[in-house]
């Protein structure tokens, strides 16, 4: 006889702020969710700029 599966209750994670758009080069735009990620992209793309909405 098979065992029953438990039903998982999944909730979305709580976001603290709005994501920020960052233009890496002329045709690449990424959404950054925290300052640590922004520092990561700035390290790889020194000419990256934050786009205001």
Protein backbone atom coordinates (compact mmCIF):
# COMPACT_ATOMS: atom_id res chain seq x y z
CA UNK A 1 0.00 0.00 0.00
CA UNK A 2 1.32 3.47 -0.91
CA UNK A 3 1.94 6.18 1.65
CA UNK A 4 0.16 9.51 1.38
CA UNK A 5 2.05 12.63 0.45
CA UNK A 6 1.91 15.66 2.69
CA UNK A 7 0.51 18.80 1.08
CA UNK A 8 3.07 21.59 1.04
CA UNK A 9 1.93 25.14 1.66
CA UNK A 10 4.25 27.42 -0.29
CA UNK A 11 4.36 31.16 0.28
CA UNK A 12 6.28 33.70 -1.81
CA UNK A 13 9.31 35.34 -0.15
CA UNK A 14 8.86 38.78 1.38
CA UNK A 15 10.59 41.47 -0.69
CA UNK A 16 11.88 44.50 1.17
CA UNK A 17 12.25 46.95 -1.69
CA UNK A 18 11.75 47.41 -5.39
CA UNK A 19 14.33 45.92 -7.72
CA UNK A 20 16.63 48.41 -9.44
CA UNK A 21 17.32 48.36 -13.19
CA UNK A 22 20.99 48.45 -14.14
CA UNK A 23 22.25 48.95 -17.70
CA UNK A 24 25.41 46.89 -18.16
CA UNK A 25 26.12 47.84 -21.75
CA UNK A 26 24.23 49.32 -24.69
CA UNK A 27 21.80 46.40 -24.99
CA UNK A 28 21.88 44.56 -21.65
CA UNK A 29 19.67 45.51 -18.70
CA UNK A 30 19.40 43.49 -15.47
CA UNK A 31 17.20 43.80 -12.39
CA UNK A 32 19.16 43.95 -9.15
CA UNK A 33 17.39 43.11 -5.91
CA UNK A 34 20.00 44.07 -3.30
CA UNK A 35 23.15 46.19 -2.92
CA UNK A 36 25.40 43.12 -2.78
CA UNK A 37 24.24 42.09 -6.26
CA UNK A 38 24.80 45.65 -7.51
CA UNK A 39 28.39 45.53 -6.27
CA UNK A 40 28.87 42.20 -8.09
CA UNK A 41 27.72 43.67 -11.42
CA UNK A 42 29.73 46.88 -10.94
CA UNK A 43 32.85 44.75 -10.43
CA UNK A 44 32.30 42.89 -13.70
CA UNK A 45 31.00 45.87 -15.70
CA UNK A 46 32.71 49.10 -14.54
CA UNK A 47 30.57 51.20 -16.92
CA UNK A 48 27.29 49.87 -15.46
CA UNK A 49 24.76 52.59 -14.62
CA UNK A 50 21.56 52.58 -12.60
CA UNK A 51 18.44 53.41 -14.63
CA UNK A 52 15.75 55.47 -12.93
CA UNK A 53 12.13 54.63 -13.70
